[in-house]
PDB file of all heavy atoms in Angstrom:
ATOM      1  N   HIS A   1     238.141 184.984  49.918  1.00  0.00           N
ATOM      2  CA  HIS A   1     239.014 183.966  50.484  1.00  0.00           C
ATOM      3  C   HIS A   1     240.008 183.569  49.401  1.00  0.00           C
ATOM      4  O   HIS A   1     239.780 183.833  48.232  1.00  0.00           O
ATOM      5  CB  HIS A   1     238.113 182.661  50.804  1.00  0.00           C
ATOM      6  CG  HIS A   1     237.117 182.975  51.947  1.00  0.00           C
ATOM      7  ND1 HIS A   1     235.883 183.630  51.667  1.00  0.00           N
ATOM      8  CD2 HIS A   1     237.094 182.683  53.239  1.00  0.00           C
ATOM      9  CE1 HIS A   1     235.176 183.736  52.757  1.00  0.00           C
ATOM     10  NE2 HIS A   1     235.837 183.132  53.720  1.00  0.00           N
ATOM     11  N   GLY A   2     241.106 183.011  49.831  1.00  0.00           N
ATOM     12  CA  GLY A   2     242.234 182.767  49.025  1.00  0.00           C
ATOM     13  C   GLY A   2     241.932 181.870  47.796  1.00  0.00           C
ATOM     14  O   GLY A   2     241.541 180.647  47.962  1.00  0.00           O
ATOM     15  N   ALA A   3     241.954 182.424  46.642  1.00  0.00           N
ATOM     16  CA  ALA A   3     241.889 181.638  45.359  1.00  0.00           C
ATOM     17  C   ALA A   3     243.300 181.580  44.781  1.00  0.00           C
ATOM     18  O   ALA A   3     244.202 182.417  45.079  1.00  0.00           O
ATOM     19  CB  ALA A   3     240.922 182.424  44.466  1.00  0.00           C
ATOM     20  N   LEU A   4     243.433 180.524  44.011  1.00  0.00           N
ATOM     21  CA  LEU A   4     244.799 180.354  43.351  1.00  0.00           C
ATOM     22  C   LEU A   4     244.676 180.037  41.947  1.00  0.00           C
ATOM     23  O   LEU A   4     243.651 179.576  41.308  1.00  0.00           O
ATOM     24  CB  LEU A   4     245.368 178.980  44.048  1.00  0.00           C
ATOM     25  CG  LEU A   4     245.611 179.078  45.448  1.00  0.00           C
ATOM     26  CD1 LEU A   4     246.002 177.630  46.030  1.00  0.00           C
ATOM     27  CD2 LEU A   4     246.659 180.083  45.917  1.00  0.00           C
ATOM     28  N   ALA A   5     245.773 180.328  41.237  1.00  0.00           N
ATOM     29  CA  ALA A   5     245.907 179.853  39.820  1.00  0.00           C
ATOM     30  C   ALA A   5     247.049 178.904  39.799  1.00  0.00           C
ATOM     31  O   ALA A   5     248.154 179.031  40.374  1.00  0.00           O
ATOM     32  CB  ALA A   5     246.280 181.031  38.935  1.00  0.00           C
ATOM     33  N   CYS A   6     246.760 177.656  39.199  1.00  0.00           N
ATOM     34  CA  CYS A   6     247.796 176.607  39.205  1.00  0.00           C
ATOM     35  C   CYS A   6     247.585 175.823  37.867  1.00  0.00           C
ATOM     36  O   CYS A   6     246.549 175.508  37.480  1.00  0.00           O
ATOM     37  CB  CYS A   6     247.503 175.609  40.340  1.00  0.00           C
ATOM     38  SG  CYS A   6     248.610 174.360  40.438  1.00  0.00           S
ATOM     39  N   GLU A   7     248.705 175.587  37.196  1.00  0.00           N
ATOM     40  CA  GLU A   7     248.650 174.802  36.016  1.00  0.00           C
ATOM     41  C   GLU A   7     248.068 173.393  36.245  1.00  0.00           C
ATOM     42  O   GLU A   7     248.348 172.749  37.232  1.00  0.00           O
ATOM     43  CB  GLU A   7     250.070 174.632  35.425  1.00  0.00           C
ATOM     44  CG  GLU A   7     250.639 175.963  34.938  1.00  0.00           C
ATOM     45  CD  GLU A   7     252.017 175.782  34.212  1.00  0.00           C
ATOM     46  OE1 GLU A   7     252.078 174.848  33.433  1.00  0.00           O
ATOM     47  OE2 GLU A   7     252.896 176.589  34.510  1.00  0.00           O
ATOM     48  N   ARG A   8     247.175 172.955  35.308  1.00  0.00           N
ATOM     49  CA  ARG A   8     246.543 171.697  35.533  1.00  0.00           C
ATOM     50  C   ARG A   8     247.590 170.505  35.511  1.00  0.00           C
ATOM     51  O   ARG A   8     247.321 169.522  36.218  1.00  0.00           O
ATOM     52  CB  ARG A   8     245.442 171.507  34.543  1.00  0.00           C
ATOM     53  CG  ARG A   8     244.170 172.305  34.887  1.00  0.00           C
ATOM     54  CD  ARG A   8     243.480 171.751  36.035  1.00  0.00           C
ATOM     55  NE  ARG A   8     243.089 170.321  35.850  1.00  0.00           N
ATOM     56  CZ  ARG A   8     241.947 169.924  35.216  1.00  0.00           C
ATOM     57  NH1 ARG A   8     241.018 170.808  34.752  1.00  0.00           N
ATOM     58  NH2 ARG A   8     241.729 168.647  34.995  1.00  0.00           N
ATOM     59  N   ALA A   9     248.598 170.655  34.699  1.00  0.00           N
ATOM     60  CA  ALA A   9     249.621 169.520  34.685  1.00  0.00           C
ATOM     61  C   ALA A   9     250.096 169.320  36.063  1.00  0.00           C
ATOM     62  O   ALA A   9     250.349 168.195  36.544  1.00  0.00           O
ATOM     63  CB  ALA A   9     250.707 169.981  33.776  1.00  0.00           C
ATOM     64  N   THR A  10     250.362 170.386  36.800  1.00  0.00           N
ATOM     65  CA  THR A  10     250.814 170.311  38.146  1.00  0.00           C
ATOM     66  C   THR A  10     249.774 169.844  39.254  1.00  0.00           C
ATOM     67  O   THR A  10     250.016 168.882  39.936  1.00  0.00           O
ATOM     68  CB  THR A  10     251.332 171.702  38.706  1.00  0.00           C
ATOM     69  OG1 THR A  10     252.385 172.093  37.901  1.00  0.00           O
ATOM     70  CG2 THR A  10     251.850 171.640  40.103  1.00  0.00           C
ATOM     71  N   LEU A  11     248.673 170.431  39.193  1.00  0.00           N
ATOM     72  CA  LEU A  11     247.527 170.075  40.036  1.00  0.00           C
ATOM     73  C   LEU A  11     247.106 168.601  39.874  1.00  0.00           C
ATOM     74  O   LEU A  11     247.021 167.860  40.847  1.00  0.00           O
ATOM     75  CB  LEU A  11     246.303 170.956  39.701  1.00  0.00           C
ATOM     76  CG  LEU A  11     244.987 170.512  40.622  1.00  0.00           C
ATOM     77  CD1 LEU A  11     245.268 170.818  42.090  1.00  0.00           C
ATOM     78  CD2 LEU A  11     243.776 171.361  40.000  1.00  0.00           C
ATOM     79  N   ASP A  12     246.884 168.241  38.572  1.00  0.00           N
ATOM     80  CA  ASP A  12     246.355 166.804  38.331  1.00  0.00           C
ATOM     81  C   ASP A  12     247.390 165.831  38.862  1.00  0.00           C
ATOM     82  O   ASP A  12     247.130 164.780  39.448  1.00  0.00           O
ATOM     83  CB  ASP A  12     246.085 166.644  36.837  1.00  0.00           C
ATOM     84  CG  ASP A  12     244.866 167.565  36.497  1.00  0.00           C
ATOM     85  OD1 ASP A  12     244.371 168.251  37.317  1.00  0.00           O
ATOM     86  OD2 ASP A  12     244.484 167.311  35.273  1.00  0.00           O
ATOM     87  N   ALA A  13     248.670 166.156  38.588  1.00  0.00           N
ATOM     88  CA  ALA A  13     249.876 165.180  38.998  1.00  0.00           C
ATOM     89  C   ALA A  13     249.836 165.049  40.498  1.00  0.00           C
ATOM     90  O   ALA A  13     250.145 163.984  41.071  1.00  0.00           O
ATOM     91  CB  ALA A  13     251.126 165.624  38.382  1.00  0.00           C
ATOM     92  N   LEU A  14     249.649 166.084  41.236  1.00  0.00           N
ATOM     93  CA  LEU A  14     249.826 166.211  42.693  1.00  0.00           C
ATOM     94  C   LEU A  14     248.626 165.296  43.243  1.00  0.00           C
ATOM     95  O   LEU A  14     248.870 164.525  44.168  1.00  0.00           O
ATOM     96  CB  LEU A  14     249.704 167.622  43.204  1.00  0.00           C
ATOM     97  CG  LEU A  14     250.975 168.393  43.128  1.00  0.00           C
ATOM     98  CD1 LEU A  14     250.769 169.815  43.533  1.00  0.00           C
ATOM     99  CD2 LEU A  14     252.035 167.862  44.002  1.00  0.00           C
ATOM    100  N   VAL A  15     247.411 165.416  42.742  1.00  0.00           N
ATOM    101  CA  VAL A  15     246.319 164.710  43.397  1.00  0.00           C
ATOM    102  C   VAL A  15     246.373 163.236  42.968  1.00  0.00           C
ATOM    103  O   VAL A  15     246.154 162.363  43.822  1.00  0.00           O
ATOM    104  CB  VAL A  15     244.890 165.342  42.843  1.00  0.00           C
ATOM    105  CG1 VAL A  15     243.759 164.617  43.516  1.00  0.00           C
ATOM    106  CG2 VAL A  15     244.832 166.830  43.185  1.00  0.00           C
ATOM    107  N   LEU A  16     246.772 162.958  41.722  1.00  0.00           N
ATOM    108  CA  LEU A  16     246.813 161.546  41.371  1.00  0.00           C
ATOM    109  C   LEU A  16     247.997 160.905  42.024  1.00  0.00           C
ATOM    110  O   LEU A  16     247.960 159.719  42.484  1.00  0.00           O
ATOM    111  CB  LEU A  16     247.024 161.393  39.830  1.00  0.00           C
ATOM    112  CG  LEU A  16     247.057 160.088  39.259  1.00  0.00           C
ATOM    113  CD1 LEU A  16     245.857 159.288  39.479  1.00  0.00           C
ATOM    114  CD2 LEU A  16     247.440 160.034  37.693  1.00  0.00           C
ATOM    115  N   GLY A  17     249.162 161.564  42.248  1.00  0.00           N
ATOM    116  CA  GLY A  17     250.261 161.082  42.940  1.00  0.00           C
ATOM    117  C   GLY A  17     249.986 160.703  44.330  1.00  0.00           C
ATOM    118  O   GLY A  17     250.335 159.702  44.893  1.00  0.00           O
ATOM    119  N   ALA A  18     249.138 161.521  45.046  1.00  0.00           N
ATOM    120  CA  ALA A  18     248.684 161.262  46.434  1.00  0.00           C
ATOM    121  C   ALA A  18     247.777 160.040  46.417  1.00  0.00           C
ATOM    122  O   ALA A  18     247.849 159.252  47.365  1.00  0.00           O
ATOM    123  CB  ALA A  18     247.938 162.518  46.900  1.00  0.00           C
ATOM    124  N   ALA A  19     246.970 159.890  45.281  1.00  0.00           N
ATOM    125  CA  ALA A  19     246.063 158.713  45.353  1.00  0.00           C
ATOM    126  C   ALA A  19     246.975 157.432  45.252  1.00  0.00           C
ATOM    127  O   ALA A  19     246.710 156.364  45.913  1.00  0.00           O
ATOM    128  CB  ALA A  19     245.166 158.770  44.210  1.00  0.00           C
ATOM    129  N   VAL A  20     247.909 157.417  44.375  1.00  0.00           N
ATOM    130  CA  VAL A  20     248.770 156.236  44.147  1.00  0.00           C
ATOM    131  C   VAL A  20     249.572 155.967  45.396  1.00  0.00           C
ATOM    132  O   VAL A  20     249.734 154.802  45.820  1.00  0.00           O
ATOM    133  CB  VAL A  20     249.745 156.467  42.978  1.00  0.00           C
ATOM    134  CG1 VAL A  20     250.758 155.383  42.913  1.00  0.00           C
ATOM    135  CG2 VAL A  20     248.973 156.549  41.726  1.00  0.00           C
ATOM    136  N   ALA A  21     250.053 157.034  46.087  1.00  0.00           N
ATOM    137  CA  ALA A  21     250.831 156.836  47.419  1.00  0.00           C
ATOM    138  C   ALA A  21     249.926 156.311  48.432  1.00  0.00           C
ATOM    139  O   ALA A  21     250.351 155.583  49.339  1.00  0.00           O
ATOM    140  CB  ALA A  21     251.380 158.241  47.776  1.00  0.00           C
ATOM    141  N   ALA A  22     248.579 156.509  48.351  1.00  0.00           N
ATOM    142  CA  ALA A  22     247.590 155.951  49.399  1.00  0.00           C
ATOM    143  C   ALA A  22     247.219 154.545  49.067  1.00  0.00           C
ATOM    144  O   ALA A  22     246.661 153.995  49.841  1.00  0.00           O
ATOM    145  CB  ALA A  22     246.435 156.798  49.376  1.00  0.00           C
ATOM    146  N   GLY A  23     247.751 154.021  47.936  1.00  0.00           N
ATOM    147  CA  GLY A  23     247.545 152.594  47.627  1.00  0.00           C
ATOM    148  C   GLY A  23     246.629 152.275  46.425  1.00  0.00           C
ATOM    149  O   GLY A  23     246.233 151.185  46.091  1.00  0.00           O
ATOM    150  N   VAL A  24     246.172 153.400  45.725  1.00  0.00           N
ATOM    151  CA  VAL A  24     245.383 153.249  44.508  1.00  0.00           C
ATOM    152  C   VAL A  24     246.246 152.570  43.406  1.00  0.00           C
ATOM    153  O   VAL A  24     247.313 153.006  43.117  1.00  0.00           O
ATOM    154  CB  VAL A  24     244.835 154.529  44.091  1.00  0.00           C
ATOM    155  CG1 VAL A  24     244.079 154.416  42.687  1.00  0.00           C
ATOM    156  CG2 VAL A  24     243.869 155.120  45.099  1.00  0.00           C
ATOM    157  N   THR A  25     245.664 151.553  42.686  1.00  0.00           N
ATOM    158  CA  THR A  25     246.306 150.982  41.520  1.00  0.00           C
ATOM    159  C   THR A  25     245.947 151.784  40.284  1.00  0.00           C
ATOM    160  O   THR A  25     244.751 151.944  39.944  1.00  0.00           O
ATOM    161  CB  THR A  25     245.941 149.472  41.401  1.00  0.00           C
ATOM    162  OG1 THR A  25     246.257 148.775  42.562  1.00  0.00           O
ATOM    163  CG2 THR A  25     246.571 148.900  40.194  1.00  0.00           C
ATOM    164  N   LEU A  26     247.002 152.258  39.656  1.00  0.00           N
ATOM    165  CA  LEU A  26     246.780 153.129  38.459  1.00  0.00           C
ATOM    166  C   LEU A  26     247.056 152.248  37.236  1.00  0.00           C
ATOM    167  O   LEU A  26     248.094 151.544  37.101  1.00  0.00           O
ATOM    168  CB  LEU A  26     247.782 154.273  38.406  1.00  0.00           C
ATOM    169  CG  LEU A  26     247.799 155.181  37.181  1.00  0.00           C
ATOM    170  CD1 LEU A  26     246.442 155.773  36.976  1.00  0.00           C
ATOM    171  CD2 LEU A  26     248.870 156.310  37.289  1.00  0.00           C
ATOM    172  N   VAL A  27     246.097 152.247  36.276  1.00  0.00           N
ATOM    173  CA  VAL A  27     246.144 151.402  35.143  1.00  0.00           C
ATOM    174  C   VAL A  27     246.035 152.283  33.992  1.00  0.00           C
ATOM    175  O   VAL A  27     244.997 153.090  33.831  1.00  0.00           O
ATOM    176  CB  VAL A  27     245.035 150.287  35.040  1.00  0.00           C
ATOM    177  CG1 VAL A  27     245.086 149.602  33.762  1.00  0.00           C
ATOM    178  CG2 VAL A  27     245.226 149.313  36.191  1.00  0.00           C
ATOM    179  N   ARG A  28     246.916 152.277  32.985  1.00  0.00           N
ATOM    180  CA  ARG A  28     246.925 153.104  31.715  1.00  0.00           C
ATOM    181  C   ARG A  28     245.898 152.453  30.716  1.00  0.00           C
ATOM    182  O   ARG A  28     246.119 151.144  30.504  1.00  0.00           O
ATOM    183  CB  ARG A  28     248.186 153.159  31.071  1.00  0.00           C
ATOM    184  CG  ARG A  28     249.150 154.234  31.777  1.00  0.00           C
ATOM    185  CD  ARG A  28     248.803 155.732  31.375  1.00  0.00           C
ATOM    186  NE  ARG A  28     248.835 155.837  29.962  1.00  0.00           N
ATOM    187  CZ  ARG A  28     249.901 155.983  29.213  1.00  0.00           C
ATOM    188  NH1 ARG A  28     251.084 155.965  29.824  1.00  0.00           N
ATOM    189  NH2 ARG A  28     249.848 156.270  27.945  1.00  0.00           N
ATOM    190  N   GLY A  29     244.998 153.104  30.181  1.00  0.00           N
ATOM    191  CA  GLY A  29     244.040 152.580  29.206  1.00  0.00           C
ATOM    192  C   GLY A  29     242.958 153.498  29.054  1.00  0.00           C
ATOM    193  O   GLY A  29     242.661 154.447  29.751  1.00  0.00           O
ATOM    194  N   ARG A  30     242.137 153.148  28.025  1.00  0.00           N
ATOM    195  CA  ARG A  30     241.033 154.017  27.651  1.00  0.00           C
ATOM    196  C   ARG A  30     239.716 153.169  27.992  1.00  0.00           C
ATOM    197  O   ARG A  30     239.514 152.015  27.498  1.00  0.00           O
ATOM    198  CB  ARG A  30     241.012 154.299  26.167  1.00  0.00           C
ATOM    199  CG  ARG A  30     239.890 155.235  25.714  1.00  0.00           C
ATOM    200  CD  ARG A  30     239.895 155.598  24.238  1.00  0.00           C
ATOM    201  NE  ARG A  30     239.658 154.440  23.369  1.00  0.00           N
ATOM    202  CZ  ARG A  30     240.523 153.868  22.626  1.00  0.00           C
ATOM    203  NH1 ARG A  30     241.781 154.286  22.618  1.00  0.00           N
ATOM    204  NH2 ARG A  30     240.169 152.879  21.771  1.00  0.00           N
ATOM    205  N   VAL A  31     238.879 153.711  28.811  1.00  0.00           N
ATOM    206  CA  VAL A  31     237.607 153.059  29.114  1.00  0.00           C
ATOM    207  C   VAL A  31     236.738 152.975  27.964  1.00  0.00           C
ATOM    208  O   VAL A  31     236.432 154.015  27.292  1.00  0.00           O
ATOM    209  CB  VAL A  31     236.942 153.787  30.353  1.00  0.00           C
ATOM    210  CG1 VAL A  31     235.515 153.222  30.603  1.00  0.00           C
ATOM    211  CG2 VAL A  31     237.782 153.674  31.585  1.00  0.00           C
ATOM    212  N   GLU A  32     236.248 151.791  27.634  1.00  0.00           N
ATOM    213  CA  GLU A  32     235.387 151.642  26.454  1.00  0.00           C
ATOM    214  C   GLU A  32     233.942 151.226  26.817  1.00  0.00           C
ATOM    215  O   GLU A  32     233.009 151.412  25.986  1.00  0.00           O
ATOM    216  CB  GLU A  32     236.058 150.614  25.506  1.00  0.00           C
ATOM    217  CG  GLU A  32     237.228 150.990  24.860  1.00  0.00           C
ATOM    218  CD  GLU A  32     237.557 150.336  23.583  1.00  0.00           C
ATOM    219  OE1 GLU A  32     237.062 149.177  23.430  1.00  0.00           O
ATOM    220  OE2 GLU A  32     238.227 151.003  22.762  1.00  0.00           O
ATOM    221  N   ASP A  33     233.725 150.668  27.978  1.00  0.00           N
ATOM    222  CA  ASP A  33     232.402 150.163  28.431  1.00  0.00           C
ATOM    223  C   ASP A  33     232.398 149.952  29.818  1.00  0.00           C
ATOM    224  O   ASP A  33     233.454 149.900  30.506  1.00  0.00           O
ATOM    225  CB  ASP A  33     232.105 148.858  27.504  1.00  0.00           C
ATOM    226  CG  ASP A  33     230.576 148.689  27.338  1.00  0.00           C
ATOM    227  OD1 ASP A  33     229.767 149.375  28.022  1.00  0.00           O
ATOM    228  OD2 ASP A  33     230.272 147.912  26.485  1.00  0.00           O
ATOM    229  N   VAL A  34     231.200 149.698  30.343  1.00  0.00           N
ATOM    230  CA  VAL A  34     230.993 149.221  31.698  1.00  0.00           C
ATOM    231  C   VAL A  34     230.714 147.760  31.671  1.00  0.00           C
ATOM    232  O   VAL A  34     230.119 147.193  30.643  1.00  0.00           O
ATOM    233  CB  VAL A  34     229.930 150.007  32.474  1.00  0.00           C
ATOM    234  CG1 VAL A  34     230.200 151.443  32.538  1.00  0.00           C
ATOM    235  CG2 VAL A  34     228.539 149.792  31.719  1.00  0.00           C
ATOM    236  N   LEU A  35     231.064 147.074  32.687  1.00  0.00           N
ATOM    237  CA  LEU A  35     230.591 145.728  32.915  1.00  0.00           C
ATOM    238  C   LEU A  35     229.291 145.630  33.605  1.00  0.00           C
ATOM    239  O   LEU A  35     229.001 146.520  34.393  1.00  0.00           O
ATOM    240  CB  LEU A  35     231.705 144.929  33.721  1.00  0.00           C
ATOM    241  CG  LEU A  35     233.083 145.003  33.167  1.00  0.00           C
ATOM    242  CD1 LEU A  35     234.070 144.207  34.174  1.00  0.00           C
ATOM    243  CD2 LEU A  35     233.218 144.411  31.739  1.00  0.00           C
ATOM    244  N   ARG A  36     228.500 144.607  33.332  1.00  0.00           N
ATOM    245  CA  ARG A  36     227.129 144.464  33.945  1.00  0.00           C
ATOM    246  C   ARG A  36     226.992 143.118  34.595  1.00  0.00           C
ATOM    247  O   ARG A  36     227.523 142.084  34.005  1.00  0.00           O
ATOM    248  CB  ARG A  36     226.039 144.763  32.968  1.00  0.00           C
ATOM    249  CG  ARG A  36     225.954 146.233  32.495  1.00  0.00           C
ATOM    250  CD  ARG A  36     224.677 146.497  31.642  1.00  0.00           C
ATOM    251  NE  ARG A  36     224.597 147.930  31.327  1.00  0.00           N
ATOM    252  CZ  ARG A  36     224.127 148.813  32.121  1.00  0.00           C
ATOM    253  NH1 ARG A  36     223.592 148.504  33.267  1.00  0.00           N
ATOM    254  NH2 ARG A  36     224.045 150.088  31.673  1.00  0.00           N
ATOM    255  N   GLU A  37     226.260 143.110  35.620  1.00  0.00           N
ATOM    256  CA  GLU A  37     226.020 141.839  36.374  1.00  0.00           C
ATOM    257  C   GLU A  37     224.630 142.020  37.084  1.00  0.00           C
ATOM    258  O   GLU A  37     224.553 142.858  38.029  1.00  0.00           O
ATOM    259  CB  GLU A  37     227.087 141.518  37.332  1.00  0.00           C
ATOM    260  CG  GLU A  37     226.892 140.174  37.972  1.00  0.00           C
ATOM    261  CD  GLU A  37     228.096 139.848  38.955  1.00  0.00           C
ATOM    262  OE1 GLU A  37     229.257 139.659  38.408  1.00  0.00           O
ATOM    263  OE2 GLU A  37     227.880 139.832  40.187  1.00  0.00           O
ATOM    264  N   GLY A  38     223.713 141.266  36.634  1.00  0.00           N
ATOM    265  CA  GLY A  38     222.357 141.201  37.343  1.00  0.00           C
ATOM    266  C   GLY A  38     221.703 142.647  37.250  1.00  0.00           C
ATOM    267  O   GLY A  38     221.074 143.115  38.281  1.00  0.00           O
ATOM    268  N   GLY A  39     221.863 143.373  36.179  1.00  0.00           N
ATOM    269  CA  GLY A  39     221.186 144.627  35.936  1.00  0.00           C
ATOM    270  C   GLY A  39     221.833 145.750  36.630  1.00  0.00           C
ATOM    271  O   GLY A  39     221.311 146.949  36.723  1.00  0.00           O
ATOM    272  N   ARG A  40     223.102 145.594  37.157  1.00  0.00           N
ATOM    273  CA  ARG A  40     223.774 146.678  37.673  1.00  0.00           C
ATOM    274  C   ARG A  40     225.265 146.801  37.124  1.00  0.00           C
ATOM    275  O   ARG A  40     225.745 145.875  36.506  1.00  0.00           O
ATOM    276  CB  ARG A  40     223.944 146.610  39.326  1.00  0.00           C
ATOM    277  CG  ARG A  40     224.720 145.397  39.687  1.00  0.00           C
ATOM    278  CD  ARG A  40     224.626 145.104  41.218  1.00  0.00           C
ATOM    279  NE  ARG A  40     224.966 146.192  42.004  1.00  0.00           N
ATOM    280  CZ  ARG A  40     226.110 146.632  42.382  1.00  0.00           C
ATOM    281  NH1 ARG A  40     227.151 145.815  42.004  1.00  0.00           N
ATOM    282  NH2 ARG A  40     226.329 147.650  43.270  1.00  0.00           N
ATOM    283  N   VAL A  41     225.824 147.976  37.201  1.00  0.00           N
ATOM    284  CA  VAL A  41     227.192 148.205  36.711  1.00  0.00           C
ATOM    285  C   VAL A  41     228.155 147.458  37.663  1.00  0.00           C
ATOM    286  O   VAL A  41     228.001 147.587  38.974  1.00  0.00           O
ATOM    287  CB  VAL A  41     227.477 149.673  36.607  1.00  0.00           C
ATOM    288  CG1 VAL A  41     229.023 149.921  36.221  1.00  0.00           C
ATOM    289  CG2 VAL A  41     226.639 150.326  35.479  1.00  0.00           C
ATOM    290  N   ALA A  42     229.052 146.695  37.086  1.00  0.00           N
ATOM    291  CA  ALA A  42     229.928 145.904  37.956  1.00  0.00           C
ATOM    292  C   ALA A  42     231.403 146.005  37.512  1.00  0.00           C
ATOM    293  O   ALA A  42     232.182 145.044  37.566  1.00  0.00           O
ATOM    294  CB  ALA A  42     229.453 144.410  37.863  1.00  0.00           C
ATOM    295  N   GLY A  43     231.808 147.159  37.109  1.00  0.00           N
ATOM    296  CA  GLY A  43     233.188 147.359  36.769  1.00  0.00           C
ATOM    297  C   GLY A  43     233.353 148.047  35.427  1.00  0.00           C
ATOM    298  O   GLY A  43     232.419 148.483  34.826  1.00  0.00           O
TER     299      GLY A  43
END
């Protein structure tokens, strides 16, 4: 079946761009920890 070679710079930008176009809010930053609330991860 059809396999492809595609530069990741292109692939990643296409998928992320589609997510933003669909309404996803993109925030630049480095994740450092998870938030917790009542014994569960909450952000």
